[in-house]
Structures are given as C-alpha cells and as structure tokens.
C-alpha cells in the first residue's frame, strides 16, 4: 500500500506559539496550564488540545478498523505523527484522561505500538527505538494471531501480547 497523508494526524495547531523557543514559551501564563491541565488549553490563534486529541484518536481508530477489515486482525500497519498527537493516542489507549498525557514520552523517530481489539486497546510498546521482530502477534492454542481481546494471564511474555 502506498503511503497516505491524513490531516487527522497532523500536529496540534499551536497558533501564535508555533516556531517560538520552548524556553520563551515556558514564561507564558498558559504554559503551566499546558503542562498540568491540557484539556483546558486552546492555543491563541490555534487549536484546542482536546480537539487535537479527539481527531488523532478518531483517525487512528478509523485506520485500524479499515486495515483490519481489509487485511485481518494480524495486520501490522504504521502511522507517523508528532509527539503531542502520539501522546494523546497513547493516553486514550491506556484509559487515561488527556490531562495525564504530559507524563508520556514520545521521542523523535521512536516506535509506539498499540494493538486494538474488539473490546479494548493494548499498549504493546511506547517510545521504543530498538528491535521490532517481536511486534508480530503470536498464536496461542486454538486461535488466530491478534484474535483475542483478553489480557495474558500473569502479564504475558513481552511485545507479542
């Protein structure tokens, strides 16, 4: 499949904050709100963080549904985005409120893996820059890969949830 550009995964619209150094932005009165209560933030001349989160999550879930329908539940696909969008998607997968997403780290060029199932997502990897072979879902007795929505008893044995 050829790469597809999807505006649902573009970075948050920071408005008047775009292009300004972080050390300068950290002096703005809005900065502590961005850090501690991002769900309440709308950037001056820009986007609300809650809107960015909602569009990123909806986009990822729609793509996962499409890829799964076309290629099956064991399909592996890739989406590239920016830190705040990735962190918002991870927070959603973990069942966290957007106000907790600043606790998540998403380094440039890192890999974060979420496996969506019919009942819930599983965070398989976050902010990983290493080995990727174990991302292929493993079969367990009597089931197809990536078929189960159950968590592994005892926590499982790594990335192949």
Foldseek 3Di string as FASTA:
>chain_A
DDDDDDPLFEDWWQAPCPPDDPVVVCPDPCNVCCQQPQQPDDHVRTGRLVVNLVSLQVVVVVVQVVCCVVPNLQDDDDDDHDDSNVLSNVCVLVVHDSSPSSVADADPPFDWDWRQAPPGIDGQDGRHDDDDPLQRADDDPPDDGNHDPDADVPRDDHRND
